[in-house]
Amino acid sequence: MTTRAVPSIGLLALASCLGFFLTAGSCVETDVGAPCNLAQNLTLRVSAECPEGTKPEEKPACFDRRPSLSDLAAGGDKEYVSFGAAECDNLTCVRSRGEPLPATEEAPNGYCSGECITDADCASDSDGKFVCRELFLDQEFLSDLRESLSDEEYARYFGRIQNTKFCARAE
């Protein structure tokens, strides 16, 4: 029986490939902190092209889909959670209380977030320290709603939300 020595270059390449495949799944990329836009109920901008009674399906360009700068200034002490933000991996856009106003109406007015359990779930490459904290309701109340509403009602109001903790800027 003869044995063959594996050349050191081959061994190094094998070790590199093995190391890559073993660590590839251990890092989870997140977009927590990436800029996004809060969604809100559609508001008709009445004008000659957009008369009162215009429907969103007829002329979508006639409707604002986000809070105005005056809305944000008036609610500076509030926190916002907006679901359905297409630019965020978890479809969740958040604005923490005390955030500076965007420079223009068109500038992003929030940052991407997501449900979390611990601060480690909120690791981010963006500016600012993010922590896992309750942003709306409290867990006990949300659990009570989950038990008292039908599955359809709960899904209509809260979607897939299972807890009240989200990644947000540290206070």
Foldseek 3Di string as FASTA:
>chain_A
DDDDDDPPVNVVVVVVVVVCVVCVPVDDDAQFFAFFFAFDPWDFDDDPVGHPPDDCVVPVVRTDGGDFLVRCVVVLQAKDWHAQTPVGPQRIWIAHRNDDGDPHRPGGGTGHKHADDFLVVRDDPDPARKTKDFRDDAFVVLVVCVVPDDPVVCCVVPNPDNGRIMIDGDD
